[in-house]
Structure formats: structure tokens, C-alpha cells
Amino acid sequence: MNTTTVNRVAAPRAKRNASTEIRRIGTIILAVIFCIVWIFPVYWMFVTSIKPRNQIMTETPVFWPGKLSLDNFVVAVTQTSFLTNLKNSVIVTAISIVLSIILAFFACAALTLYRFRGRKAIMVFVLAIQMTSGGIIPQFIIFNQFGLLNKYSGLILAYIAMVLPFAIWNMRGFFLNIPKDIFESAAVEGANDWQILWKITFPLAAPGIVSTSVFAFINAWNDYMTAYTFMKDQSKYTLPVWLSSFSTPTMGTDFGGQMAASVIFSLPVVIFFMIIQRNIMKGVTTGAVK
């Protein structure tokens, strides 16, 4: 093979390598830009929360304060409604998630472990509810007729209705991934339905239950519109509604207090996620098989 032939073969290969390198560099640049755009609001929220109050509203942006201050956090936590609204959020969210996960667990067990007519129709119906969400106005009218407005029970039911379709749809993938031979072997050994459900199904589906509970927790914890619409008494508001109290038509917006309150509001989600992140990743990868 002469030099001319070698050059002809090497030239297209070099072009392919160059184009591949350009695409790789372009992908990295786009990823970096995406990360910056995504993380900057979180960074700005945190920085604003620790700025002295005289450095928040300045003509020139201060990207990092020369002196750190916790005054904004003091303003946030010393509000008279903070502890009350925090208690309301914890109670309503915790009960809603526990009941939603229990109902979703039994629903998924019935839809995947048993054969009966209408299973596919039920899943299509669940998916349709998840896509449309029902609407807050029909819920408000129904809850008003049953006297459930301005009550914790009404807000809990509203959150269950919001979370349950997603929980069923998401958890179903983990149930489908459990080998059916396990259930058949347990039945042959004499295990009844309850033993199969709690001693076999529950441990195997635990990663999916954990990951589903996290996403459901975030949806319920972050909800603003439902709590603001259904609760008339300010003492029954939740933390998302409490965040809006830092903006008033007469006094304007207390950006420092609002950003500090947002940091406090985000901490339970971050802590919860860090505690069970291994189970979340295991659950996500397991459910992705189906």
C-alpha cells in the first residue's frame, strides 16, 4: 500500500474523529450551561438568605456577601405563624403520604398479582386522572358540599387524590418486575395471600415504595394552591402559603426573609432525600427494567 492510499484512508477517519470530538465538546458545553441555569436560582436563594439586609436591594448585584448574616433567618422563624404552619405541613403531608402509599400498595398488588377483568381499563383510568388532575374547582365544589373546607381532613383527602394516581402508576412498575415464580413457590409451600403480600411482596417492592414516597412527599409538601384555596383560617395554612406572607401589597416583598424562609422550607426535602437516596436510586433502576 503506497503513501497515497494510506492518506486516502486516513483522511475520512481523521474527519470522523474531529467531528466526534466537536460533538463531545459541544455536549459538555451544553451540559455546563444547563447546570449553571439550573443551579443559579438555588445559589441565589441561599446567598440572598445570608446577606445583610442592606446588601439585598443594590444597584450592583452582590454575588457573595463580604459579611455573612443570619438576620433573615431570625426574621423568618420569629414570625408568629411559622411554627403553626410548620406543624400543619408536617401533619397533613405525613398523613397524606402514609395513606397514599398504603392505598397504592394494595392497588398495585391487586392489579399485578391477580387476574380479573378490567385491569387494563383501571390503569388507563388511573393514567387519565394523573394527566388531567381533575381540577381544583370541581374539588372545591364537592368538598364545600360535604363540609370539608377549612379542615385538615379535607386537605388530606385532596392531597391523597393528587398523589394516589402517580403513586399507583409509579409503583406498578416495581410490582411487575417481581418474578411470578416467587409467588407460585410461596403458594405451593402453603402461604396464604396475606403472607405472600407482607412477607414476600412488601420486602421486594420496598425500593419502589421508598422512591414513590419521596416523589409523593415533594408533590404534597410543595403544594400551594390547594392549601390556600381550601383553608380559610390562616392558622391552618401550610408552609407554602406561609412563604407568600413575605409579599404584601402595602409593605412590598421582604426578599431576605422570603429567601431565608425558602431555604428552611427546602431543608426537609433535602434531608429526606439524602437519608434514603440509595433506596431511591435502587428503586428507580429496578422499576426501569419494565
C-alpha atoms as a PDB file:
ATOM      1  CA  MET A   1       0.000   0.000   0.000  1.00  0.00           C
ATOM      2  CA  ASN A   2       1.566   3.262  -1.109  1.00  0.00           C
ATOM      3  CA  THR A   3       1.512   6.614   0.664  1.00  0.00           C
ATOM      4  CA  THR A   4      -1.347   7.991  -1.445  1.00  0.00           C
ATOM      5  CA  THR A   5      -3.643   5.104  -0.496  1.00  0.00           C
ATOM      6  CA  VAL A   6      -2.776   5.476   3.204  1.00  0.00           C
ATOM      7  CA  ASN A   7      -3.616   9.175   3.076  1.00  0.00           C
ATOM      8  CA  ARG A   8      -6.948   8.478   1.378  1.00  0.00           C
ATOM      9  CA  VAL A   9      -7.908   6.012   4.124  1.00  0.00           C
ATOM     10  CA  ALA A  10      -6.676   8.196   6.989  1.00  0.00           C
ATOM     11  CA  ALA A  11      -8.367  11.408   5.848  1.00  0.00           C
ATOM     12  CA  PRO A  12     -12.015  10.275   6.385  1.00  0.00           C
ATOM     13  CA  ARG A  13     -11.029   8.703   9.701  1.00  0.00           C
ATOM     14  CA  ALA A  14      -9.460  11.953  10.869  1.00  0.00           C
ATOM     15  CA  LYS A  15     -12.587  13.862   9.849  1.00  0.00           C
ATOM     16  CA  ARG A  16     -14.774  11.430  11.794  1.00  0.00           C
ATOM     17  CA  ASN A  17     -12.550  11.766  14.863  1.00  0.00           C
ATOM     18  CA  ALA A  18     -12.646  15.550  14.588  1.00  0.00           C
ATOM     19  CA  SER A  19     -16.442  15.628  14.270  1.00  0.00           C
ATOM     20  CA  THR A  20     -16.781  13.247  17.222  1.00  0.00           C
ATOM     21  CA  GLU A  21     -14.546  15.473  19.323  1.00  0.00           C
ATOM     22  CA  ILE A  22     -16.532  18.563  18.329  1.00  0.00           C
ATOM     23  CA  ARG A  23     -19.790  16.862  19.310  1.00  0.00           C
ATOM     24  CA  ARG A  24     -18.300  15.776  22.618  1.00  0.00           C
ATOM     25  CA  ILE A  25     -17.090  19.291  23.418  1.00  0.00           C
ATOM     26  CA  GLY A  26     -20.455  20.726  22.367  1.00  0.00           C
ATOM     27  CA  THR A  27     -22.267  18.279  24.622  1.00  0.00           C
ATOM     28  CA  ILE A  28     -20.049  19.206  27.559  1.00  0.00           C
ATOM     29  CA  ILE A  29     -20.640  22.922  26.977  1.00  0.00           C
ATOM     30  CA  LEU A  30     -24.408  22.425  26.786  1.00  0.00           C
ATOM     31  CA  ALA A  31     -24.317  20.332  29.964  1.00  0.00           C
ATOM     32  CA  VAL A  32     -22.340  23.008  31.798  1.00  0.00           C
ATOM     33  CA  ILE A  33     -24.751  25.733  30.630  1.00  0.00           C
ATOM     34  CA  PHE A  34     -27.712  23.627  31.691  1.00  0.00           C
ATOM     35  CA  CYS A  35     -26.195  23.018  35.141  1.00  0.00           C
ATOM     36  CA  ILE A  36     -25.493  26.723  35.617  1.00  0.00           C
ATOM     37  CA  VAL A  37     -29.021  27.701  34.589  1.00  0.00           C
ATOM     38  CA  TRP A  38     -30.478  25.049  36.883  1.00  0.00           C
ATOM     39  CA  ILE A  39     -28.335  25.704  39.961  1.00  0.00           C
ATOM     40  CA  PHE A  40     -28.088  29.500  39.839  1.00  0.00           C
ATOM     41  CA  PRO A  41     -31.597  30.167  41.276  1.00  0.00           C
ATOM     42  CA  VAL A  42     -30.806  27.827  44.183  1.00  0.00           C
ATOM     43  CA  TYR A  43     -27.456  29.534  44.685  1.00  0.00           C
ATOM     44  CA  TRP A  44     -29.049  32.994  44.547  1.00  0.00           C
ATOM     45  CA  MET A  45     -31.720  31.960  47.046  1.00  0.00           C
ATOM     46  CA  PHE A  46     -29.073  30.770  49.509  1.00  0.00           C
ATOM     47  CA  VAL A  47     -26.782  33.768  49.016  1.00  0.00           C
ATOM     48  CA  THR A  48     -29.645  36.210  49.441  1.00  0.00           C
ATOM     49  CA  SER A  49     -30.674  34.488  52.657  1.00  0.00           C
ATOM     50  CA  ILE A  50     -27.257  35.072  54.251  1.00  0.00           C
ATOM     51  CA  LYS A  51     -26.736  38.640  53.000  1.00  0.00           C
ATOM     52  CA  PRO A  52     -27.003  41.603  55.359  1.00  0.00           C
ATOM     53  CA  ARG A  53     -30.341  43.255  54.715  1.00  0.00           C
ATOM     54  CA  ASN A  54     -28.705  46.411  53.322  1.00  0.00           C
ATOM     55  CA  GLN A  55     -26.963  44.398  50.569  1.00  0.00           C
ATOM     56  CA  ILE A  56     -30.040  42.680  49.148  1.00  0.00           C
ATOM     57  CA  MET A  57     -31.550  45.508  47.105  1.00  0.00           C
ATOM     58  CA  THR A  58     -28.492  47.109  45.481  1.00  0.00           C
ATOM     59  CA  GLU A  59     -27.903  48.500  42.000  1.00  0.00           C
ATOM     60  CA  THR A  60     -24.869  46.245  41.571  1.00  0.00           C
ATOM     61  CA  PRO A  61     -25.578  42.549  42.290  1.00  0.00           C
ATOM     62  CA  VAL A  62     -23.632  41.100  45.206  1.00  0.00           C
ATOM     63  CA  PHE A  63     -22.823  37.513  44.303  1.00  0.00           C
ATOM     64  CA  TRP A  64     -21.244  36.777  47.660  1.00  0.00           C
ATOM     65  CA  PRO A  65     -21.585  38.964  50.749  1.00  0.00           C
ATOM     66  CA  GLY A  66     -18.479  40.273  52.433  1.00  0.00           C
ATOM     67  CA  LYS A  67     -20.079  39.612  55.802  1.00  0.00           C
ATOM     68  CA  LEU A  68     -22.470  36.759  56.457  1.00  0.00           C
ATOM     69  CA  SER A  69     -25.653  37.468  58.370  1.00  0.00           C
ATOM     70  CA  LEU A  70     -28.402  35.294  59.863  1.00  0.00           C
ATOM     71  CA  ASP A  71     -30.807  38.191  60.359  1.00  0.00           C
ATOM     72  CA  ASN A  72     -33.055  36.979  57.570  1.00  0.00           C
ATOM     73  CA  PHE A  73     -33.435  33.571  59.227  1.00  0.00           C
ATOM     74  CA  VAL A  74     -34.261  35.262  62.519  1.00  0.00           C
ATOM     75  CA  VAL A  75     -36.953  37.313  60.767  1.00  0.00           C
ATOM     76  CA  ALA A  76     -38.378  34.152  59.156  1.00  0.00           C
ATOM     77  CA  VAL A  77     -38.534  31.872  62.202  1.00  0.00           C
ATOM     78  CA  THR A  78     -39.751  34.559  64.598  1.00  0.00           C
ATOM     79  CA  GLN A  79     -42.951  35.079  62.651  1.00  0.00           C
ATOM     80  CA  THR A  80     -45.885  34.136  64.829  1.00  0.00           C
ATOM     81  CA  SER A  81     -47.338  31.766  62.229  1.00  0.00           C
ATOM     82  CA  PHE A  82     -44.139  29.847  61.413  1.00  0.00           C
ATOM     83  CA  LEU A  83     -44.373  27.029  63.962  1.00  0.00           C
ATOM     84  CA  THR A  84     -48.122  26.680  63.450  1.00  0.00           C
ATOM     85  CA  ASN A  85     -47.801  26.433  59.665  1.00  0.00           C
ATOM     86  CA  LEU A  86     -44.842  24.056  60.013  1.00  0.00           C
ATOM     87  CA  LYS A  87     -46.934  21.783  62.226  1.00  0.00           C
ATOM     88  CA  ASN A  88     -49.778  21.904  59.712  1.00  0.00           C
ATOM     89  CA  SER A  89     -47.472  20.960  56.833  1.00  0.00           C
ATOM     90  CA  VAL A  90     -45.906  18.071  58.719  1.00  0.00           C
ATOM     91  CA  ILE A  91     -49.246  16.643  59.868  1.00  0.00           C
ATOM     92  CA  VAL A  92     -51.058  16.977  56.553  1.00  0.00           C
ATOM     93  CA  THR A  93     -48.153  15.805  54.392  1.00  0.00           C
ATOM     94  CA  ALA A  94     -47.230  12.857  56.620  1.00  0.00           C
ATOM     95  CA  ILE A  95     -50.774  11.503  56.874  1.00  0.00           C
ATOM     96  CA  SER A  96     -51.412  12.048  53.165  1.00  0.00           C
ATOM     97  CA  ILE A  97     -48.254  10.213  52.105  1.00  0.00           C
ATOM     98  CA  VAL A  98     -48.746   7.290  54.501  1.00  0.00           C
ATOM     99  CA  LEU A  99     -52.341   6.737  53.403  1.00  0.00           C
ATOM    100  CA  SER A 100     -51.481   7.206  49.724  1.00  0.00           C
ATOM    101  CA  ILE A 101     -48.637   4.689  49.854  1.00  0.00           C
ATOM    102  CA  ILE A 102     -50.800   2.135  51.695  1.00  0.00           C
ATOM    103  CA  LEU A 103     -53.639   2.500  49.187  1.00  0.00           C
ATOM    104  CA  ALA A 104     -51.218   2.423  46.241  1.00  0.00           C
ATOM    105  CA  PHE A 105     -49.551  -0.726  47.633  1.00  0.00           C
ATOM    106  CA  PHE A 106     -52.846  -2.632  47.841  1.00  0.00           C
ATOM    107  CA  ALA A 107     -53.968  -1.299  44.461  1.00  0.00           C
ATOM    108  CA  CYS A 108     -50.739  -2.391  42.760  1.00  0.00           C
ATOM    109  CA  ALA A 109     -50.900  -5.780  44.446  1.00  0.00           C
ATOM    110  CA  ALA A 110     -54.410  -6.295  43.140  1.00  0.00           C
ATOM    111  CA  LEU A 111     -53.600  -5.050  39.640  1.00  0.00           C
ATOM    112  CA  THR A 112     -50.425  -7.107  39.179  1.00  0.00           C
ATOM    113  CA  LEU A 113     -50.796 -10.258  41.276  1.00  0.00           C
ATOM    114  CA  TYR A 114     -54.376 -11.146  40.433  1.00  0.00           C
ATOM    115  CA  ARG A 115     -56.137 -11.794  37.143  1.00  0.00           C
ATOM    116  CA  PHE A 116     -59.533 -10.189  36.672  1.00  0.00           C
ATOM    117  CA  ARG A 117     -61.459  -8.352  34.012  1.00  0.00           C
ATOM    118  CA  GLY A 118     -60.975  -4.609  33.716  1.00  0.00           C
ATOM    119  CA  ARG A 119     -57.373  -4.407  34.946  1.00  0.00           C
ATOM    120  CA  LYS A 120     -56.177  -2.554  31.862  1.00  0.00           C
ATOM    121  CA  ALA A 121     -59.193  -0.265  31.924  1.00  0.00           C
ATOM    122  CA  ILE A 122     -58.426   0.641  35.535  1.00  0.00           C
ATOM    123  CA  MET A 123     -54.806   1.518  34.678  1.00  0.00           C
ATOM    124  CA  VAL A 124     -55.948   3.642  31.739  1.00  0.00           C
ATOM    125  CA  PHE A 125     -58.353   5.408  34.093  1.00  0.00           C
ATOM    126  CA  VAL A 126     -55.554   5.986  36.625  1.00  0.00           C
ATOM    127  CA  LEU A 127     -53.312   7.375  33.892  1.00  0.00           C
ATOM    128  CA  ALA A 128     -56.103   9.665  32.682  1.00  0.00           C
ATOM    129  CA  ILE A 129     -56.577  11.014  36.207  1.00  0.00           C
ATOM    130  CA  GLN A 130     -52.840  11.573  36.510  1.00  0.00           C
ATOM    131  CA  MET A 131     -52.784  13.528  33.252  1.00  0.00           C
ATOM    132  CA  THR A 132     -55.851  15.678  33.929  1.00  0.00           C
ATOM    133  CA  SER A 133     -55.574  16.007  37.749  1.00  0.00           C
ATOM    134  CA  GLY A 134     -59.334  16.572  37.991  1.00  0.00           C
ATOM    135  CA  GLY A 135     -59.116  20.321  38.542  1.00  0.00           C
ATOM    136  CA  ILE A 136     -59.224  22.261  41.784  1.00  0.00           C
ATOM    137  CA  ILE A 137     -62.592  23.939  41.115  1.00  0.00           C
ATOM    138  CA  PRO A 138     -64.629  20.672  40.980  1.00  0.00           C
ATOM    139  CA  GLN A 139     -62.821  19.521  44.119  1.00  0.00           C
ATOM    140  CA  PHE A 140     -63.648  22.790  45.860  1.00  0.00           C
ATOM    141  CA  ILE A 141     -67.337  22.468  44.987  1.00  0.00           C
ATOM    142  CA  ILE A 142     -67.533  18.841  46.171  1.00  0.00           C
ATOM    143  CA  PHE A 143     -65.618  19.498  49.376  1.00  0.00           C
ATOM    144  CA  ASN A 144     -67.796  22.526  50.098  1.00  0.00           C
ATOM    145  CA  GLN A 145     -70.942  20.405  49.751  1.00  0.00           C
ATOM    146  CA  PHE A 146     -69.573  17.831  52.200  1.00  0.00           C
ATOM    147  CA  GLY A 147     -68.333  20.446  54.672  1.00  0.00           C
ATOM    148  CA  LEU A 148     -64.667  19.537  54.261  1.00  0.00           C
ATOM    149  CA  LEU A 149     -63.300  23.019  53.615  1.00  0.00           C
ATOM    150  CA  ASN A 150     -61.063  24.571  56.262  1.00  0.00           C
ATOM    151  CA  LYS A 151     -60.462  21.127  57.782  1.00  0.00           C
ATOM    152  CA  TYR A 152     -57.319  19.022  57.916  1.00  0.00           C
ATOM    153  CA  SER A 153     -59.313  16.004  56.774  1.00  0.00           C
ATOM    154  CA  GLY A 154     -60.398  17.814  53.616  1.00  0.00           C
ATOM    155  CA  LEU A 155     -56.858  18.891  52.772  1.00  0.00           C
ATOM    156  CA  ILE A 156     -55.575  15.369  53.428  1.00  0.00           C
ATOM    157  CA  LEU A 157     -58.191  13.911  51.090  1.00  0.00           C
ATOM    158  CA  ALA A 158     -57.257  16.474  48.440  1.00  0.00           C
ATOM    159  CA  TYR A 159     -53.580  15.540  48.705  1.00  0.00           C
ATOM    160  CA  ILE A 160     -54.404  11.833  48.538  1.00  0.00           C
ATOM    161  CA  ALA A 161     -56.419  12.469  45.381  1.00  0.00           C
ATOM    162  CA  MET A 162     -53.454  14.382  43.957  1.00  0.00           C
ATOM    163  CA  VAL A 163     -50.766  11.858  44.912  1.00  0.00           C
ATOM    164  CA  LEU A 164     -52.514   8.482  44.609  1.00  0.00           C
ATOM    165  CA  PRO A 165     -52.706   8.171  40.775  1.00  0.00           C
ATOM    166  CA  PHE A 166     -48.994   8.903  40.451  1.00  0.00           C
ATOM    167  CA  ALA A 167     -48.157   6.520  43.305  1.00  0.00           C
ATOM    168  CA  ILE A 168     -50.129   3.679  41.710  1.00  0.00           C
ATOM    169  CA  TRP A 169     -48.681   4.241  38.261  1.00  0.00           C
ATOM    170  CA  ASN A 170     -45.110   4.569  39.501  1.00  0.00           C
ATOM    171  CA  MET A 171     -45.220   1.681  41.969  1.00  0.00           C
ATOM    172  CA  ARG A 172     -46.823  -0.675  39.477  1.00  0.00           C
ATOM    173  CA  GLY A 173     -43.557  -0.956  37.543  1.00  0.00           C
ATOM    174  CA  PHE A 174     -41.785  -2.387  40.592  1.00  0.00           C
ATOM    175  CA  PHE A 175     -44.515  -4.943  41.171  1.00  0.00           C
ATOM    176  CA  LEU A 176     -44.319  -6.065  37.556  1.00  0.00           C
ATOM    177  CA  ASN A 177     -40.593  -6.593  37.956  1.00  0.00           C
ATOM    178  CA  ILE A 178     -41.051  -9.187  40.732  1.00  0.00           C
ATOM    179  CA  PRO A 179     -40.776 -12.723  39.264  1.00  0.00           C
ATOM    180  CA  LYS A 180     -44.096 -14.531  39.370  1.00  0.00           C
ATOM    181  CA  ASP A 181     -42.327 -17.801  40.238  1.00  0.00           C
ATOM    182  CA  ILE A 182     -41.699 -16.454  43.746  1.00  0.00           C
ATOM    183  CA  PHE A 183     -45.406 -16.125  44.436  1.00  0.00           C
ATOM    184  CA  GLU A 184     -46.159 -19.531  42.952  1.00  0.00           C
ATOM    185  CA  SER A 185     -43.478 -21.177  45.086  1.00  0.00           C
ATOM    186  CA  ALA A 186     -44.804 -19.475  48.224  1.00  0.00           C
ATOM    187  CA  ALA A 187     -48.343 -20.632  47.422  1.00  0.00           C
ATOM    188  CA  VAL A 188     -47.102 -24.198  46.948  1.00  0.00           C
ATOM    189  CA  GLU A 189     -45.389 -24.008  50.352  1.00  0.00           C
ATOM    190  CA  GLY A 190     -48.724 -23.134  51.919  1.00  0.00           C
ATOM    191  CA  ALA A 191     -48.501 -19.357  52.278  1.00  0.00           C
ATOM    192  CA  ASN A 192     -51.821 -17.524  52.135  1.00  0.00           C
ATOM    193  CA  ASP A 193     -52.464 -14.230  50.337  1.00  0.00           C
ATOM    194  CA  TRP A 194     -51.636 -12.047  53.341  1.00  0.00           C
ATOM    195  CA  GLN A 195     -48.355 -13.864  53.991  1.00  0.00           C
ATOM    196  CA  ILE A 196     -47.393 -13.532  50.340  1.00  0.00           C
ATOM    197  CA  LEU A 197     -48.294  -9.856  50.442  1.00  0.00           C
ATOM    198  CA  TRP A 198     -46.395  -8.876  53.579  1.00  0.00           C
ATOM    199  CA  LYS A 199     -43.525 -11.376  53.759  1.00  0.00           C
ATOM    200  CA  ILE A 200     -42.654 -11.510  50.051  1.00  0.00           C
ATOM    201  CA  THR A 201     -44.207  -8.688  48.076  1.00  0.00           C
ATOM    202  CA  PHE A 202     -43.563  -5.869  50.537  1.00  0.00           C
ATOM    203  CA  PRO A 203     -39.804  -6.516  51.025  1.00  0.00           C
ATOM    204  CA  LEU A 204     -39.245  -6.945  47.286  1.00  0.00           C
ATOM    205  CA  ALA A 205     -41.210  -3.800  46.435  1.00  0.00           C
ATOM    206  CA  ALA A 206     -39.656  -1.733  49.258  1.00  0.00           C
ATOM    207  CA  PRO A 207     -37.245   0.242  46.998  1.00  0.00           C
ATOM    208  CA  GLY A 208     -40.146   1.210  44.761  1.00  0.00           C
ATOM    209  CA  ILE A 209     -42.248   2.189  47.761  1.00  0.00           C
ATOM    210  CA  VAL A 210     -39.440   4.397  49.053  1.00  0.00           C
ATOM    211  CA  SER A 211     -38.828   6.149  45.737  1.00  0.00           C
ATOM    212  CA  THR A 212     -42.560   6.654  45.195  1.00  0.00           C
ATOM    213  CA  SER A 213     -42.985   8.094  48.684  1.00  0.00           C
ATOM    214  CA  VAL A 214     -40.239  10.637  48.040  1.00  0.00           C
ATOM    215  CA  PHE A 215     -41.809  11.970  44.858  1.00  0.00           C
ATOM    216  CA  ALA A 216     -45.232  11.950  46.507  1.00  0.00           C
ATOM    217  CA  PHE A 217     -43.798  13.793  49.509  1.00  0.00           C
ATOM    218  CA  ILE A 218     -42.355  16.506  47.280  1.00  0.00           C
ATOM    219  CA  ASN A 219     -45.685  16.999  45.493  1.00  0.00           C
ATOM    220  CA  ALA A 220     -47.661  17.309  48.727  1.00  0.00           C
ATOM    221  CA  TRP A 221     -45.044  19.355  50.606  1.00  0.00           C
ATOM    222  CA  ASN A 222     -44.706  21.917  47.801  1.00  0.00           C
ATOM    223  CA  ASP A 223     -48.419  22.373  47.152  1.00  0.00           C
ATOM    224  CA  TYR A 224     -49.625  25.957  47.492  1.00  0.00           C
ATOM    225  CA  MET A 225     -52.867  26.339  45.572  1.00  0.00           C
ATOM    226  CA  THR A 226     -54.864  23.588  47.281  1.00  0.00           C
ATOM    227  CA  ALA A 227     -53.938  24.666  50.815  1.00  0.00           C
ATOM    228  CA  TYR A 228     -54.589  28.335  50.030  1.00  0.00           C
ATOM    229  CA  THR A 229     -57.946  27.581  48.387  1.00  0.00           C
ATOM    230  CA  PHE A 230     -59.315  25.008  50.827  1.00  0.00           C
ATOM    231  CA  MET A 231     -58.175  26.608  54.089  1.00  0.00           C
ATOM    232  CA  LYS A 232     -59.948  29.806  55.164  1.00  0.00           C
ATOM    233  CA  ASP A 233     -58.361  30.084  58.598  1.00  0.00           C
ATOM    234  CA  GLN A 234     -54.774  31.385  58.462  1.00  0.00           C
ATOM    235  CA  SER A 235     -53.854  29.245  61.464  1.00  0.00           C
ATOM    236  CA  LYS A 236     -54.446  26.182  59.257  1.00  0.00           C
ATOM    237  CA  TYR A 237     -52.242  27.300  56.373  1.00  0.00           C
ATOM    238  CA  THR A 238     -49.223  25.232  55.369  1.00  0.00           C
ATOM    239  CA  LEU A 239     -45.652  26.396  54.771  1.00  0.00           C
ATOM    240  CA  PRO A 240     -46.050  27.159  51.034  1.00  0.00           C
ATOM    241  CA  VAL A 241     -48.800  29.628  51.939  1.00  0.00           C
ATOM    242  CA  TRP A 242     -46.598  30.970  54.736  1.00  0.00           C
ATOM    243  CA  LEU A 243     -43.934  31.786  52.139  1.00  0.00           C
ATOM    244  CA  SER A 244     -46.339  34.095  50.358  1.00  0.00           C
ATOM    245  CA  SER A 245     -46.802  36.141  53.548  1.00  0.00           C
ATOM    246  CA  PHE A 246     -43.444  37.833  52.902  1.00  0.00           C
ATOM    247  CA  SER A 247     -45.045  39.672  49.957  1.00  0.00           C
ATOM    248  CA  THR A 248     -47.843  42.134  50.709  1.00  0.00           C
ATOM    249  CA  PRO A 249     -49.424  44.868  48.555  1.00  0.00           C
ATOM    250  CA  THR A 250     -48.762  47.534  51.197  1.00  0.00           C
ATOM    251  CA  MET A 251     -45.297  46.595  52.501  1.00  0.00           C
ATOM    252  CA  GLY A 252     -43.850  45.082  49.326  1.00  0.00           C
ATOM    253  CA  THR A 253     -41.645  41.990  49.380  1.00  0.00           C
ATOM    254  CA  ASP A 254     -39.137  41.126  52.071  1.00  0.00           C
ATOM    255  CA  PHE A 255     -36.701  39.316  49.786  1.00  0.00           C
ATOM    256  CA  GLY A 256     -34.244  38.471  52.525  1.00  0.00           C
ATOM    257  CA  GLY A 257     -36.865  36.934  54.783  1.00  0.00           C
ATOM    258  CA  GLN A 258     -38.516  35.173  51.856  1.00  0.00           C
ATOM    259  CA  MET A 259     -35.256  33.622  50.668  1.00  0.00           C
ATOM    260  CA  ALA A 260     -34.379  32.501  54.206  1.00  0.00           C
ATOM    261  CA  ALA A 261     -37.861  31.031  54.550  1.00  0.00           C
ATOM    262  CA  SER A 262     -37.400  29.234  51.222  1.00  0.00           C
ATOM    263  CA  VAL A 263     -34.157  27.686  52.471  1.00  0.00           C
ATOM    264  CA  ILE A 264     -35.906  26.496  55.630  1.00  0.00           C
ATOM    265  CA  PHE A 265     -38.795  25.182  53.563  1.00  0.00           C
ATOM    266  CA  SER A 266     -36.413  23.212  51.312  1.00  0.00           C
ATOM    267  CA  LEU A 267     -34.424  21.597  54.122  1.00  0.00           C
ATOM    268  CA  PRO A 268     -36.875  18.742  54.946  1.00  0.00           C
ATOM    269  CA  VAL A 269     -36.926  17.631  51.307  1.00  0.00           C
ATOM    270  CA  VAL A 270     -33.117  17.756  51.044  1.00  0.00           C
ATOM    271  CA  ILE A 271     -32.598  15.910  54.335  1.00  0.00           C
ATOM    272  CA  PHE A 272     -35.199  13.277  53.476  1.00  0.00           C
ATOM    273  CA  PHE A 273     -33.625  12.753  50.077  1.00  0.00           C
ATOM    274  CA  MET A 274     -30.091  12.426  51.499  1.00  0.00           C
ATOM    275  CA  ILE A 275     -31.202   9.850  54.061  1.00  0.00           C
ATOM    276  CA  ILE A 276     -32.798   7.475  51.561  1.00  0.00           C
ATOM    277  CA  GLN A 277     -31.016   8.366  48.315  1.00  0.00           C
ATOM    278  CA  ARG A 278     -29.559   4.854  47.961  1.00  0.00           C
ATOM    279  CA  ASN A 279     -33.005   3.309  48.097  1.00  0.00           C
ATOM    280  CA  ILE A 280     -34.257   5.894  45.615  1.00  0.00           C
ATOM    281  CA  MET A 281     -31.595   5.035  43.034  1.00  0.00           C
ATOM    282  CA  LYS A 282     -32.119   1.318  43.598  1.00  0.00           C
ATOM    283  CA  GLY A 283     -35.847   1.746  43.197  1.00  0.00           C
ATOM    284  CA  VAL A 284     -35.577   3.873  40.066  1.00  0.00           C
ATOM    285  CA  THR A 285     -33.203   1.452  38.325  1.00  0.00           C
ATOM    286  CA  THR A 286     -35.276  -1.555  39.370  1.00  0.00           C
ATOM    287  CA  GLY A 287     -38.514  -0.052  38.118  1.00  0.00           C
ATOM    288  CA  ALA A 288     -36.892   0.998  34.861  1.00  0.00           C
ATOM    289  CA  VAL A 289     -36.392  -2.641  33.836  1.00  0.00           C
ATOM    290  CA  LYS A 290     -40.070  -2.924  32.921  1.00  0.00           C
END
